[in-house]
Amino acid sequence: VIWRALLSGVLAELVMVAGYFVYEIFLYG
């Protein structure tokens, strides 16, 4: 369960970082 939770969290955070990156490109360059 811990490894699945960790894997889920890592995948979710990578999506978050990618989303922030795309948003910040439009906002700041």
mmCIF file of all heavy atoms, coordinates in Angstrom:
data_MODEL
# 
_entry.id   MODEL 
# 
loop_
_atom_site.group_PDB 
_atom_site.id 
_atom_site.type_symbol 
_atom_site.label_atom_id 
_atom_site.label_alt_id 
_atom_site.label_comp_id 
_atom_site.label_asym_id 
_atom_site.label_entity_id 
_atom_site.label_seq_id 
_atom_site.pdbx_PDB_ins_code 
_atom_site.Cartn_x 
_atom_site.Cartn_y 
_atom_site.Cartn_z 
_atom_site.occupancy 
_atom_site.B_iso_or_equiv 
_atom_site.pdbx_formal_charge 
_atom_site.auth_seq_id 
_atom_site.auth_comp_id 
_atom_site.auth_asym_id 
_atom_site.auth_atom_id 
_atom_site.pdbx_PDB_model_num 
ATOM 1   N N   . VAL A 1 1  ? 0.829  -1.202 0.000   1.00 0.00 ? 1  VAL A N   1 
ATOM 2   C CA  . VAL A 1 1  ? 0.000  0.000  0.000   1.00 0.00 ? 1  VAL A CA  1 
ATOM 3   C C   . VAL A 1 1  ? 0.862  1.250  0.000   1.00 0.00 ? 1  VAL A C   1 
ATOM 4   O O   . VAL A 1 1  ? 0.570  2.220  -0.707  1.00 0.00 ? 1  VAL A O   1 
ATOM 5   C CB  . VAL A 1 1  ? -0.942 -0.008 1.227   1.00 0.00 ? 1  VAL A CB  1 
ATOM 6   C CG1 . VAL A 1 1  ? -1.691 1.289  1.354   1.00 0.00 ? 1  VAL A CG1 1 
ATOM 7   C CG2 . VAL A 1 1  ? -1.901 -1.167 1.143   1.00 0.00 ? 1  VAL A CG2 1 
ATOM 8   N N   . ILE A 1 2  ? 1.936  1.235  0.756   1.00 0.00 ? 2  ILE A N   1 
ATOM 9   C CA  . ILE A 1 2  ? 2.797  2.417  0.830   1.00 0.00 ? 2  ILE A CA  1 
ATOM 10  C C   . ILE A 1 2  ? 3.438  2.703  -0.523  1.00 0.00 ? 2  ILE A C   1 
ATOM 11  O O   . ILE A 1 2  ? 3.501  3.850  -0.948  1.00 0.00 ? 2  ILE A O   1 
ATOM 12  C CB  . ILE A 1 2  ? 3.876  2.222  1.906   1.00 0.00 ? 2  ILE A CB  1 
ATOM 13  C CG1 . ILE A 1 2  ? 3.199  1.990  3.229   1.00 0.00 ? 2  ILE A CG1 1 
ATOM 14  C CG2 . ILE A 1 2  ? 4.859  3.360  1.905   1.00 0.00 ? 2  ILE A CG2 1 
ATOM 15  C CD1 . ILE A 1 2  ? 3.589  2.811  4.374   1.00 0.00 ? 2  ILE A CD1 1 
ATOM 16  N N   . TRP A 1 3  ? 3.920  1.657  -1.195  1.00 0.00 ? 3  TRP A N   1 
ATOM 17  C CA  . TRP A 1 3  ? 4.544  1.876  -2.502  1.00 0.00 ? 3  TRP A CA  1 
ATOM 18  C C   . TRP A 1 3  ? 3.531  2.361  -3.533  1.00 0.00 ? 3  TRP A C   1 
ATOM 19  O O   . TRP A 1 3  ? 3.842  3.188  -4.385  1.00 0.00 ? 3  TRP A O   1 
ATOM 20  C CB  . TRP A 1 3  ? 5.244  0.606  -2.991  1.00 0.00 ? 3  TRP A CB  1 
ATOM 21  C CG  . TRP A 1 3  ? 6.541  0.396  -2.286  1.00 0.00 ? 3  TRP A CG  1 
ATOM 22  C CD1 . TRP A 1 3  ? 6.827  -0.556 -1.365  1.00 0.00 ? 3  TRP A CD1 1 
ATOM 23  C CD2 . TRP A 1 3  ? 7.730  1.187  -2.426  1.00 0.00 ? 3  TRP A CD2 1 
ATOM 24  N NE1 . TRP A 1 3  ? 8.121  -0.417 -0.918  1.00 0.00 ? 3  TRP A NE1 1 
ATOM 25  C CE2 . TRP A 1 3  ? 8.695  0.650  -1.563  1.00 0.00 ? 3  TRP A CE2 1 
ATOM 26  C CE3 . TRP A 1 3  ? 8.056  2.294  -3.186  1.00 0.00 ? 3  TRP A CE3 1 
ATOM 27  C CZ2 . TRP A 1 3  ? 9.978  1.180  -1.448  1.00 0.00 ? 3  TRP A CZ2 1 
ATOM 28  C CZ3 . TRP A 1 3  ? 9.332  2.822  -3.077  1.00 0.00 ? 3  TRP A CZ3 1 
ATOM 29  C CH2 . TRP A 1 3  ? 10.271 2.270  -2.218  1.00 0.00 ? 3  TRP A CH2 1 
ATOM 30  N N   . ARG A 1 4  ? 2.312  1.823  -3.476  1.00 0.00 ? 4  ARG A N   1 
ATOM 31  C CA  . ARG A 1 4  ? 1.280  2.307  -4.406  1.00 0.00 ? 4  ARG A CA  1 
ATOM 32  C C   . ARG A 1 4  ? 0.928  3.759  -4.112  1.00 0.00 ? 4  ARG A C   1 
ATOM 33  O O   . ARG A 1 4  ? 0.717  4.553  -5.028  1.00 0.00 ? 4  ARG A O   1 
ATOM 34  C CB  . ARG A 1 4  ? 0.042  1.418  -4.323  1.00 0.00 ? 4  ARG A CB  1 
ATOM 35  C CG  . ARG A 1 4  ? 0.242  0.080  -4.997  1.00 0.00 ? 4  ARG A CG  1 
ATOM 36  C CD  . ARG A 1 4  ? -1.061 -0.648 -5.163  1.00 0.00 ? 4  ARG A CD  1 
ATOM 37  N NE  . ARG A 1 4  ? -1.799 -0.775 -3.921  1.00 0.00 ? 4  ARG A NE  1 
ATOM 38  C CZ  . ARG A 1 4  ? -2.150 -1.919 -3.366  1.00 0.00 ? 4  ARG A CZ  1 
ATOM 39  N NH1 . ARG A 1 4  ? -1.848 -3.053 -3.951  1.00 0.00 ? 4  ARG A NH1 1 
ATOM 40  N NH2 . ARG A 1 4  ? -2.817 -1.941 -2.247  1.00 0.00 ? 4  ARG A NH2 1 
ATOM 41  N N   . ALA A 1 5  ? 0.853  4.119  -2.839  1.00 0.00 ? 5  ALA A N   1 
ATOM 42  C CA  . ALA A 1 5  ? 0.566  5.511  -2.475  1.00 0.00 ? 5  ALA A CA  1 
ATOM 43  C C   . ALA A 1 5  ? 1.688  6.425  -2.946  1.00 0.00 ? 5  ALA A C   1 
ATOM 44  O O   . ALA A 1 5  ? 1.435  7.513  -3.475  1.00 0.00 ? 5  ALA A O   1 
ATOM 45  C CB  . ALA A 1 5  ? 0.373  5.632  -0.962  1.00 0.00 ? 5  ALA A CB  1 
ATOM 46  N N   . LEU A 1 6  ? 2.920  5.984  -2.784  1.00 0.00 ? 6  LEU A N   1 
ATOM 47  C CA  . LEU A 1 6  ? 4.065  6.778  -3.223  1.00 0.00 ? 6  LEU A CA  1 
ATOM 48  C C   . LEU A 1 6  ? 4.063  6.944  -4.744  1.00 0.00 ? 6  LEU A C   1 
ATOM 49  O O   . LEU A 1 6  ? 4.257  8.047  -5.259  1.00 0.00 ? 6  LEU A O   1 
ATOM 50  C CB  . LEU A 1 6  ? 5.358  6.125  -2.749  1.00 0.00 ? 6  LEU A CB  1 
ATOM 51  C CG  . LEU A 1 6  ? 6.642  6.898  -3.012  1.00 0.00 ? 6  LEU A CG  1 
ATOM 52  C CD1 . LEU A 1 6  ? 6.628  8.219  -2.274  1.00 0.00 ? 6  LEU A CD1 1 
ATOM 53  C CD2 . LEU A 1 6  ? 7.828  6.071  -2.571  1.00 0.00 ? 6  LEU A CD2 1 
ATOM 54  N N   . LEU A 1 7  ? 3.817  5.862  -5.454  1.00 0.00 ? 7  LEU A N   1 
ATOM 55  C CA  . LEU A 1 7  ? 3.770  5.929  -6.917  1.00 0.00 ? 7  LEU A CA  1 
ATOM 56  C C   . LEU A 1 7  ? 2.639  6.835  -7.397  1.00 0.00 ? 7  LEU A C   1 
ATOM 57  O O   . LEU A 1 7  ? 2.822  7.656  -8.299  1.00 0.00 ? 7  LEU A O   1 
ATOM 58  C CB  . LEU A 1 7  ? 3.608  4.517  -7.503  1.00 0.00 ? 7  LEU A CB  1 
ATOM 59  C CG  . LEU A 1 7  ? 3.570  4.413  -9.016  1.00 0.00 ? 7  LEU A CG  1 
ATOM 60  C CD1 . LEU A 1 7  ? 4.851  4.954  -9.637  1.00 0.00 ? 7  LEU A CD1 1 
ATOM 61  C CD2 . LEU A 1 7  ? 3.348  2.972  -9.430  1.00 0.00 ? 7  LEU A CD2 1 
ATOM 62  N N   . SER A 1 8  ? 1.489  6.721  -6.781  1.00 0.00 ? 8  SER A N   1 
ATOM 63  C CA  . SER A 1 8  ? 0.361  7.597  -7.131  1.00 0.00 ? 8  SER A CA  1 
ATOM 64  C C   . SER A 1 8  ? 0.703  9.054  -6.873  1.00 0.00 ? 8  SER A C   1 
ATOM 65  O O   . SER A 1 8  ? 0.395  9.933  -7.684  1.00 0.00 ? 8  SER A O   1 
ATOM 66  C CB  . SER A 1 8  ? -0.878 7.224  -6.312  1.00 0.00 ? 8  SER A CB  1 
ATOM 67  O OG  . SER A 1 8  ? -1.270 5.925  -6.566  1.00 0.00 ? 8  SER A OG  1 
ATOM 68  N N   . GLY A 1 9  ? 1.315  9.313  -5.731  1.00 0.00 ? 9  GLY A N   1 
ATOM 69  C CA  . GLY A 1 9  ? 1.695  10.683 -5.395  1.00 0.00 ? 9  GLY A CA  1 
ATOM 70  C C   . GLY A 1 9  ? 2.706  11.257 -6.365  1.00 0.00 ? 9  GLY A C   1 
ATOM 71  O O   . GLY A 1 9  ? 2.593  12.408 -6.784  1.00 0.00 ? 9  GLY A O   1 
ATOM 72  N N   . VAL A 1 10 ? 3.698  10.459 -6.733  1.00 0.00 ? 10 VAL A N   1 
ATOM 73  C CA  . VAL A 1 10 ? 4.721  10.937 -7.671  1.00 0.00 ? 10 VAL A CA  1 
ATOM 74  C C   . VAL A 1 10 ? 4.096  11.261 -9.022  1.00 0.00 ? 10 VAL A C   1 
ATOM 75  O O   . VAL A 1 10 ? 4.374  12.314 -9.615  1.00 0.00 ? 10 VAL A O   1 
ATOM 76  C CB  . VAL A 1 10 ? 5.858  9.898  -7.806  1.00 0.00 ? 10 VAL A CB  1 
ATOM 77  C CG1 . VAL A 1 10 ? 6.754  10.222 -8.983  1.00 0.00 ? 10 VAL A CG1 1 
ATOM 78  C CG2 . VAL A 1 10 ? 6.666  9.844  -6.521  1.00 0.00 ? 10 VAL A CG2 1 
ATOM 79  N N   . LEU A 1 11 ? 3.233  10.371 -9.519  1.00 0.00 ? 11 LEU A N   1 
ATOM 80  C CA  . LEU A 1 11 ? 2.578  10.634 -10.809 1.00 0.00 ? 11 LEU A CA  1 
ATOM 81  C C   . LEU A 1 11 ? 1.708  11.888 -10.737 1.00 0.00 ? 11 LEU A C   1 
ATOM 82  O O   . LEU A 1 11 ? 1.713  12.716 -11.658 1.00 0.00 ? 11 LEU A O   1 
ATOM 83  C CB  . LEU A 1 11 ? 1.752  9.424  -11.235 1.00 0.00 ? 11 LEU A CB  1 
ATOM 84  C CG  . LEU A 1 11 ? 2.540  8.182  -11.617 1.00 0.00 ? 11 LEU A CG  1 
ATOM 85  C CD1 . LEU A 1 11 ? 1.607  7.019  -11.909 1.00 0.00 ? 11 LEU A CD1 1 
ATOM 86  C CD2 . LEU A 1 11 ? 3.436  8.458  -12.806 1.00 0.00 ? 11 LEU A CD2 1 
ATOM 87  N N   . ALA A 1 12 ? 0.969  12.050 -9.644  1.00 0.00 ? 12 ALA A N   1 
ATOM 88  C CA  . ALA A 1 12 ? 0.112  13.225 -9.493  1.00 0.00 ? 12 ALA A CA  1 
ATOM 89  C C   . ALA A 1 12 ? 0.944  14.508 -9.417  1.00 0.00 ? 12 ALA A C   1 
ATOM 90  O O   . ALA A 1 12 ? 0.581  15.529 -10.017 1.00 0.00 ? 12 ALA A O   1 
ATOM 91  C CB  . ALA A 1 12 ? -0.756 13.088 -8.251  1.00 0.00 ? 12 ALA A CB  1 
ATOM 92  N N   . GLU A 1 13 ? 2.044  14.460 -8.704  1.00 0.00 ? 13 GLU A N   1 
ATOM 93  C CA  . GLU A 1 13 ? 2.871  15.660 -8.575  1.00 0.00 ? 13 GLU A CA  1 
ATOM 94  C C   . GLU A 1 13 ? 3.572  15.999 -9.885  1.00 0.00 ? 13 GLU A C   1 
ATOM 95  O O   . GLU A 1 13 ? 3.788  17.170 -10.188 1.00 0.00 ? 13 GLU A O   1 
ATOM 96  C CB  . GLU A 1 13 ? 3.882  15.502 -7.442  1.00 0.00 ? 13 GLU A CB  1 
ATOM 97  C CG  . GLU A 1 13 ? 3.241  15.405 -6.069  1.00 0.00 ? 13 GLU A CG  1 
ATOM 98  C CD  . GLU A 1 13 ? 2.300  16.551 -5.740  1.00 0.00 ? 13 GLU A CD  1 
ATOM 99  O OE1 . GLU A 1 13 ? 2.497  17.680 -6.221  1.00 0.00 ? 13 GLU A OE1 1 
ATOM 100 O OE2 . GLU A 1 13 ? 1.349  16.312 -4.978  1.00 0.00 ? 13 GLU A OE2 1 
ATOM 101 N N   . LEU A 1 14 ? 3.922  15.006 -10.687 1.00 0.00 ? 14 LEU A N   1 
ATOM 102 C CA  . LEU A 1 14 ? 4.499  15.296 -12.008 1.00 0.00 ? 14 LEU A CA  1 
ATOM 103 C C   . LEU A 1 14 ? 3.482  16.008 -12.899 1.00 0.00 ? 14 LEU A C   1 
ATOM 104 O O   . LEU A 1 14 ? 3.841  16.928 -13.641 1.00 0.00 ? 14 LEU A O   1 
ATOM 105 C CB  . LEU A 1 14 ? 5.010  14.016 -12.663 1.00 0.00 ? 14 LEU A CB  1 
ATOM 106 C CG  . LEU A 1 14 ? 6.265  13.425 -12.046 1.00 0.00 ? 14 LEU A CG  1 
ATOM 107 C CD1 . LEU A 1 14 ? 6.604  12.095 -12.712 1.00 0.00 ? 14 LEU A CD1 1 
ATOM 108 C CD2 . LEU A 1 14 ? 7.427  14.387 -12.140 1.00 0.00 ? 14 LEU A CD2 1 
ATOM 109 N N   . VAL A 1 15 ? 2.232  15.589 -12.809 1.00 0.00 ? 15 VAL A N   1 
ATOM 110 C CA  . VAL A 1 15 ? 1.173  16.279 -13.554 1.00 0.00 ? 15 VAL A CA  1 
ATOM 111 C C   . VAL A 1 15 ? 1.030  17.712 -13.050 1.00 0.00 ? 15 VAL A C   1 
ATOM 112 O O   . VAL A 1 15 ? 0.880  18.656 -13.839 1.00 0.00 ? 15 VAL A O   1 
ATOM 113 C CB  . VAL A 1 15 ? -0.163 15.512 -13.448 1.00 0.00 ? 15 VAL A CB  1 
ATOM 114 C CG1 . VAL A 1 15 ? -1.319 16.322 -13.997 1.00 0.00 ? 15 VAL A CG1 1 
ATOM 115 C CG2 . VAL A 1 15 ? -0.057 14.183 -14.170 1.00 0.00 ? 15 VAL A CG2 1 
ATOM 116 N N   . MET A 1 16 ? 1.109  17.901 -11.719 1.00 0.00 ? 16 MET A N   1 
ATOM 117 C CA  . MET A 1 16 ? 1.013  19.242 -11.146 1.00 0.00 ? 16 MET A CA  1 
ATOM 118 C C   . MET A 1 16 ? 2.155  20.133 -11.633 1.00 0.00 ? 16 MET A C   1 
ATOM 119 O O   . MET A 1 16 ? 1.930  21.269 -12.054 1.00 0.00 ? 16 MET A O   1 
ATOM 120 C CB  . MET A 1 16 ? 1.050  19.176 -9.614  1.00 0.00 ? 16 MET A CB  1 
ATOM 121 C CG  . MET A 1 16 ? 0.987  20.541 -8.947  1.00 0.00 ? 16 MET A CG  1 
ATOM 122 S SD  . MET A 1 16 ? 1.660  20.575 -7.266  1.00 0.00 ? 16 MET A SD  1 
ATOM 123 C CE  . MET A 1 16 ? 3.408  20.537 -7.575  1.00 0.00 ? 16 MET A CE  1 
ATOM 124 N N   . VAL A 1 17 ? 3.376  19.604 -11.604 1.00 0.00 ? 17 VAL A N   1 
ATOM 125 C CA  . VAL A 1 17 ? 4.539  20.386 -12.029 1.00 0.00 ? 17 VAL A CA  1 
ATOM 126 C C   . VAL A 1 17 ? 4.425  20.744 -13.512 1.00 0.00 ? 17 VAL A C   1 
ATOM 127 O O   . VAL A 1 17 ? 4.708  21.881 -13.909 1.00 0.00 ? 17 VAL A O   1 
ATOM 128 C CB  . VAL A 1 17 ? 5.849  19.635 -11.730 1.00 0.00 ? 17 VAL A CB  1 
ATOM 129 C CG1 . VAL A 1 17 ? 7.045  20.306 -12.381 1.00 0.00 ? 17 VAL A CG1 1 
ATOM 130 C CG2 . VAL A 1 17 ? 6.061  19.544 -10.217 1.00 0.00 ? 17 VAL A CG2 1 
ATOM 131 N N   . ALA A 1 18 ? 3.981  19.803 -14.328 1.00 0.00 ? 18 ALA A N   1 
ATOM 132 C CA  . ALA A 1 18 ? 3.808  20.081 -15.758 1.00 0.00 ? 18 ALA A CA  1 
ATOM 133 C C   . ALA A 1 18 ? 2.739  21.153 -15.975 1.00 0.00 ? 18 ALA A C   1 
ATOM 134 O O   . ALA A 1 18 ? 2.911  22.060 -16.806 1.00 0.00 ? 18 ALA A O   1 
ATOM 135 C CB  . ALA A 1 18 ? 3.437  18.809 -16.502 1.00 0.00 ? 18 ALA A CB  1 
ATOM 136 N N   . GLY A 1 19 ? 1.658  21.077 -15.218 1.00 0.00 ? 19 GLY A N   1 
ATOM 137 C CA  . GLY A 1 19 ? 0.608  22.089 -15.321 1.00 0.00 ? 19 GLY A CA  1 
ATOM 138 C C   . GLY A 1 19 ? 1.092  23.466 -14.905 1.00 0.00 ? 19 GLY A C   1 
ATOM 139 O O   . GLY A 1 19 ? 0.810  24.471 -15.570 1.00 0.00 ? 19 GLY A O   1 
ATOM 140 N N   . TYR A 1 20 ? 1.822  23.528 -13.781 1.00 0.00 ? 20 TYR A N   1 
ATOM 141 C CA  . TYR A 1 20 ? 2.396  24.802 -13.351 1.00 0.00 ? 20 TYR A CA  1 
ATOM 142 C C   . TYR A 1 20 ? 3.345  25.355 -14.412 1.00 0.00 ? 20 TYR A C   1 
ATOM 143 O O   . TYR A 1 20 ? 3.356  26.546 -14.680 1.00 0.00 ? 20 TYR A O   1 
ATOM 144 C CB  . TYR A 1 20 ? 3.168  24.631 -12.045 1.00 0.00 ? 20 TYR A CB  1 
ATOM 145 C CG  . TYR A 1 20 ? 2.340  24.579 -10.786 1.00 0.00 ? 20 TYR A CG  1 
ATOM 146 C CD1 . TYR A 1 20 ? 0.955  24.641 -10.813 1.00 0.00 ? 20 TYR A CD1 1 
ATOM 147 C CD2 . TYR A 1 20 ? 2.955  24.471 -9.549  1.00 0.00 ? 20 TYR A CD2 1 
ATOM 148 C CE1 . TYR A 1 20 ? 0.219  24.588 -9.649  1.00 0.00 ? 20 TYR A CE1 1 
ATOM 149 C CE2 . TYR A 1 20 ? 2.226  24.421 -8.380  1.00 0.00 ? 20 TYR A CE2 1 
ATOM 150 C CZ  . TYR A 1 20 ? 0.856  24.481 -8.441  1.00 0.00 ? 20 TYR A CZ  1 
ATOM 151 O OH  . TYR A 1 20 ? 0.137  24.436 -7.284  1.00 0.00 ? 20 TYR A OH  1 
ATOM 152 N N   . PHE A 1 21 ? 4.144  24.473 -15.004 1.00 0.00 ? 21 PHE A N   1 
ATOM 153 C CA  . PHE A 1 21 ? 5.122  24.895 -16.007 1.00 0.00 ? 21 PHE A CA  1 
ATOM 154 C C   . PHE A 1 21 ? 4.435  25.524 -17.216 1.00 0.00 ? 21 PHE A C   1 
ATOM 155 O O   . PHE A 1 21 ? 4.813  26.609 -17.660 1.00 0.00 ? 21 PHE A O   1 
ATOM 156 C CB  . PHE A 1 21 ? 5.975  23.701 -16.425 1.00 0.00 ? 21 PHE A CB  1 
ATOM 157 C CG  . PHE A 1 21 ? 7.007  24.034 -17.468 1.00 0.00 ? 21 PHE A CG  1 
ATOM 158 C CD1 . PHE A 1 21 ? 8.110  24.806 -17.147 1.00 0.00 ? 21 PHE A CD1 1 
ATOM 159 C CD2 . PHE A 1 21 ? 6.871  23.588 -18.765 1.00 0.00 ? 21 PHE A CD2 1 
ATOM 160 C CE1 . PHE A 1 21 ? 9.068  25.118 -18.103 1.00 0.00 ? 21 PHE A CE1 1 
ATOM 161 C CE2 . PHE A 1 21 ? 7.816  23.887 -19.731 1.00 0.00 ? 21 PHE A CE2 1 
ATOM 162 C CZ  . PHE A 1 21 ? 8.916  24.673 -19.400 1.00 0.00 ? 21 PHE A CZ  1 
ATOM 163 N N   . VAL A 1 22 ? 3.422  24.859 -17.733 1.00 0.00 ? 22 VAL A N   1 
ATOM 164 C CA  . VAL A 1 22 ? 2.700  25.390 -18.902 1.00 0.00 ? 22 VAL A CA  1 
ATOM 165 C C   . VAL A 1 22 ? 2.036  26.721 -18.558 1.00 0.00 ? 22 VAL A C   1 
ATOM 166 O O   . VAL A 1 22 ? 2.099  27.687 -19.329 1.00 0.00 ? 22 VAL A O   1 
ATOM 167 C CB  . VAL A 1 22 ? 1.663  24.363 -19.411 1.00 0.00 ? 22 VAL A CB  1 
ATOM 168 C CG1 . VAL A 1 22 ? 0.742  24.973 -20.459 1.00 0.00 ? 22 VAL A CG1 1 
ATOM 169 C CG2 . VAL A 1 22 ? 2.363  23.133 -19.963 1.00 0.00 ? 22 VAL A CG2 1 
ATOM 170 N N   . TYR A 1 23 ? 1.410  26.788 -17.391 1.00 0.00 ? 23 TYR A N   1 
ATOM 171 C CA  . TYR A 1 23 ? 0.762  28.029 -16.966 1.00 0.00 ? 23 TYR A CA  1 
ATOM 172 C C   . TYR A 1 23 ? 1.780  29.165 -16.836 1.00 0.00 ? 23 TYR A C   1 
ATOM 173 O O   . TYR A 1 23 ? 1.530  30.289 -17.288 1.00 0.00 ? 23 TYR A O   1 
ATOM 174 C CB  . TYR A 1 23 ? 0.047  27.790 -15.630 1.00 0.00 ? 23 TYR A CB  1 
ATOM 175 C CG  . TYR A 1 23 ? -0.524 29.030 -15.016 1.00 0.00 ? 23 TYR A CG  1 
ATOM 176 C CD1 . TYR A 1 23 ? -1.679 29.606 -15.521 1.00 0.00 ? 23 TYR A CD1 1 
ATOM 177 C CD2 . TYR A 1 23 ? 0.092  29.634 -13.927 1.00 0.00 ? 23 TYR A CD2 1 
ATOM 178 C CE1 . TYR A 1 23 ? -2.214 30.758 -14.948 1.00 0.00 ? 23 TYR A CE1 1 
ATOM 179 C CE2 . TYR A 1 23 ? -0.430 30.772 -13.347 1.00 0.00 ? 23 TYR A CE2 1 
ATOM 180 C CZ  . TYR A 1 23 ? -1.580 31.339 -13.866 1.00 0.00 ? 23 TYR A CZ  1 
ATOM 181 O OH  . TYR A 1 23 ? -2.102 32.470 -13.300 1.00 0.00 ? 23 TYR A OH  1 
ATOM 182 N N   . GLU A 1 24 ? 2.919  28.872 -16.220 1.00 0.00 ? 24 GLU A N   1 
ATOM 183 C CA  . GLU A 1 24 ? 3.925  29.913 -16.002 1.00 0.00 ? 24 GLU A CA  1 
ATOM 184 C C   . GLU A 1 24 ? 4.595  30.350 -17.298 1.00 0.00 ? 24 GLU A C   1 
ATOM 185 O O   . GLU A 1 24 ? 5.073  31.482 -17.386 1.00 0.00 ? 24 GLU A O   1 
ATOM 186 C CB  . GLU A 1 24 ? 4.963  29.427 -14.987 1.00 0.00 ? 24 GLU A CB  1 
ATOM 187 C CG  . GLU A 1 24 ? 4.392  29.347 -13.584 1.00 0.00 ? 24 GLU A CG  1 
ATOM 188 C CD  . GLU A 1 24 ? 5.322  28.685 -12.586 1.00 0.00 ? 24 GLU A CD  1 
ATOM 189 O OE1 . GLU A 1 24 ? 6.411  28.217 -12.990 1.00 0.00 ? 24 GLU A OE1 1 
ATOM 190 O OE2 . GLU A 1 24 ? 4.953  28.627 -11.405 1.00 0.00 ? 24 GLU A OE2 1 
ATOM 191 N N   . ILE A 1 25 ? 4.647  29.486 -18.303 1.00 0.00 ? 25 ILE A N   1 
ATOM 192 C CA  . ILE A 1 25 ? 5.167  29.907 -19.611 1.00 0.00 ? 25 ILE A CA  1 
ATOM 193 C C   . ILE A 1 25 ? 4.323  31.047 -20.156 1.00 0.00 ? 25 ILE A C   1 
ATOM 194 O O   . ILE A 1 25 ? 4.845  32.057 -20.636 1.00 0.00 ? 25 ILE A O   1 
ATOM 195 C CB  . ILE A 1 25 ? 5.209  28.727 -20.605 1.00 0.00 ? 25 ILE A CB  1 
ATOM 196 C CG1 . ILE A 1 25 ? 6.369  27.806 -20.271 1.00 0.00 ? 25 ILE A CG1 1 
ATOM 197 C CG2 . ILE A 1 25 ? 5.344  29.222 -22.040 1.00 0.00 ? 25 ILE A CG2 1 
ATOM 198 C CD1 . ILE A 1 25 ? 6.421  26.555 -21.133 1.00 0.00 ? 25 ILE A CD1 1 
ATOM 199 N N   . PHE A 1 26 ? 3.011  30.888 -20.081 1.00 0.00 ? 26 PHE A N   1 
ATOM 200 C CA  . PHE A 1 26 ? 2.126  31.937 -20.585 1.00 0.00 ? 26 PHE A CA  1 
ATOM 201 C C   . PHE A 1 26 ? 2.159  33.186 -19.718 1.00 0.00 ? 26 PHE A C   1 
ATOM 202 O O   . PHE A 1 26 ? 2.023  34.298 -20.202 1.00 0.00 ? 26 PHE A O   1 
ATOM 203 C CB  . PHE A 1 26 ? 0.683  31.419 -20.690 1.00 0.00 ? 26 PHE A CB  1 
ATOM 204 C CG  . PHE A 1 26 ? 0.496  30.400 -21.770 1.00 0.00 ? 26 PHE A CG  1 
ATOM 205 C CD1 . PHE A 1 26 ? 0.145  29.104 -21.453 1.00 0.00 ? 26 PHE A CD1 1 
ATOM 206 C CD2 . PHE A 1 26 ? 0.675  30.734 -23.104 1.00 0.00 ? 26 PHE A CD2 1 
ATOM 207 C CE1 . PHE A 1 26 ? -0.024 28.154 -22.443 1.00 0.00 ? 26 PHE A CE1 1 
ATOM 208 C CE2 . PHE A 1 26 ? 0.510  29.802 -24.103 1.00 0.00 ? 26 PHE A CE2 1 
ATOM 209 C CZ  . PHE A 1 26 ? 0.155  28.514 -23.782 1.00 0.00 ? 26 PHE A CZ  1 
ATOM 210 N N   . LEU A 1 27 ? 2.348  33.001 -18.426 1.00 0.00 ? 27 LEU A N   1 
ATOM 211 C CA  . LEU A 1 27 ? 2.302  34.139 -17.504 1.00 0.00 ? 27 LEU A CA  1 
ATOM 212 C C   . LEU A 1 27 ? 3.634  34.889 -17.423 1.00 0.00 ? 27 LEU A C   1 
ATOM 213 O O   . LEU A 1 27 ? 3.647  36.122 -17.483 1.00 0.00 ? 27 LEU A O   1 
ATOM 214 C CB  . LEU A 1 27 ? 1.907  33.633 -16.109 1.00 0.00 ? 27 LEU A CB  1 
ATOM 215 C CG  . LEU A 1 27 ? 1.421  34.657 -15.111 1.00 0.00 ? 27 LEU A CG  1 
ATOM 216 C CD1 . LEU A 1 27 ? 0.166  35.338 -15.623 1.00 0.00 ? 27 LEU A CD1 1 
ATOM 217 C CD2 . LEU A 1 27 ? 1.121  33.982 -13.788 1.00 0.00 ? 27 LEU A CD2 1 
ATOM 218 N N   . TYR A 1 28 ? 4.754  34.157 -17.330 1.00 0.00 ? 28 TYR A N   1 
ATOM 219 C CA  . TYR A 1 28 ? 6.050  34.784 -17.089 1.00 0.00 ? 28 TYR A CA  1 
ATOM 220 C C   . TYR A 1 28 ? 7.071  34.581 -18.199 1.00 0.00 ? 28 TYR A C   1 
ATOM 221 O O   . TYR A 1 28 ? 8.098  35.247 -18.212 1.00 0.00 ? 28 TYR A O   1 
ATOM 222 C CB  . TYR A 1 28 ? 6.673  34.259 -15.786 1.00 0.00 ? 28 TYR A CB  1 
ATOM 223 C CG  . TYR A 1 28 ? 5.798  34.397 -14.584 1.00 0.00 ? 28 TYR A CG  1 
ATOM 224 C CD1 . TYR A 1 28 ? 5.394  33.273 -13.865 1.00 0.00 ? 28 TYR A CD1 1 
ATOM 225 C CD2 . TYR A 1 28 ? 5.365  35.639 -14.140 1.00 0.00 ? 28 TYR A CD2 1 
ATOM 226 C CE1 . TYR A 1 28 ? 4.594  33.387 -12.748 1.00 0.00 ? 28 TYR A CE1 1 
ATOM 227 C CE2 . TYR A 1 28 ? 4.559  35.757 -13.024 1.00 0.00 ? 28 TYR A CE2 1 
ATOM 228 C CZ  . TYR A 1 28 ? 4.178  34.628 -12.333 1.00 0.00 ? 28 TYR A CZ  1 
ATOM 229 O OH  . TYR A 1 28 ? 3.385  34.738 -11.243 1.00 0.00 ? 28 TYR A OH  1 
ATOM 230 N N   . GLY A 1 29 ? 6.861  33.604 -19.059 1.00 0.00 ? 29 GLY A N   1 
ATOM 231 C CA  . GLY A 1 29 ? 7.846  33.272 -20.085 1.00 0.00 ? 29 GLY A CA  1 
ATOM 232 C C   . GLY A 1 29 ? 8.550  31.966 -19.753 1.00 0.00 ? 29 GLY A C   1 
ATOM 233 O O   . GLY A 1 29 ? 8.535  31.496 -18.614 1.00 0.00 ? 29 GLY A O   1 
# 
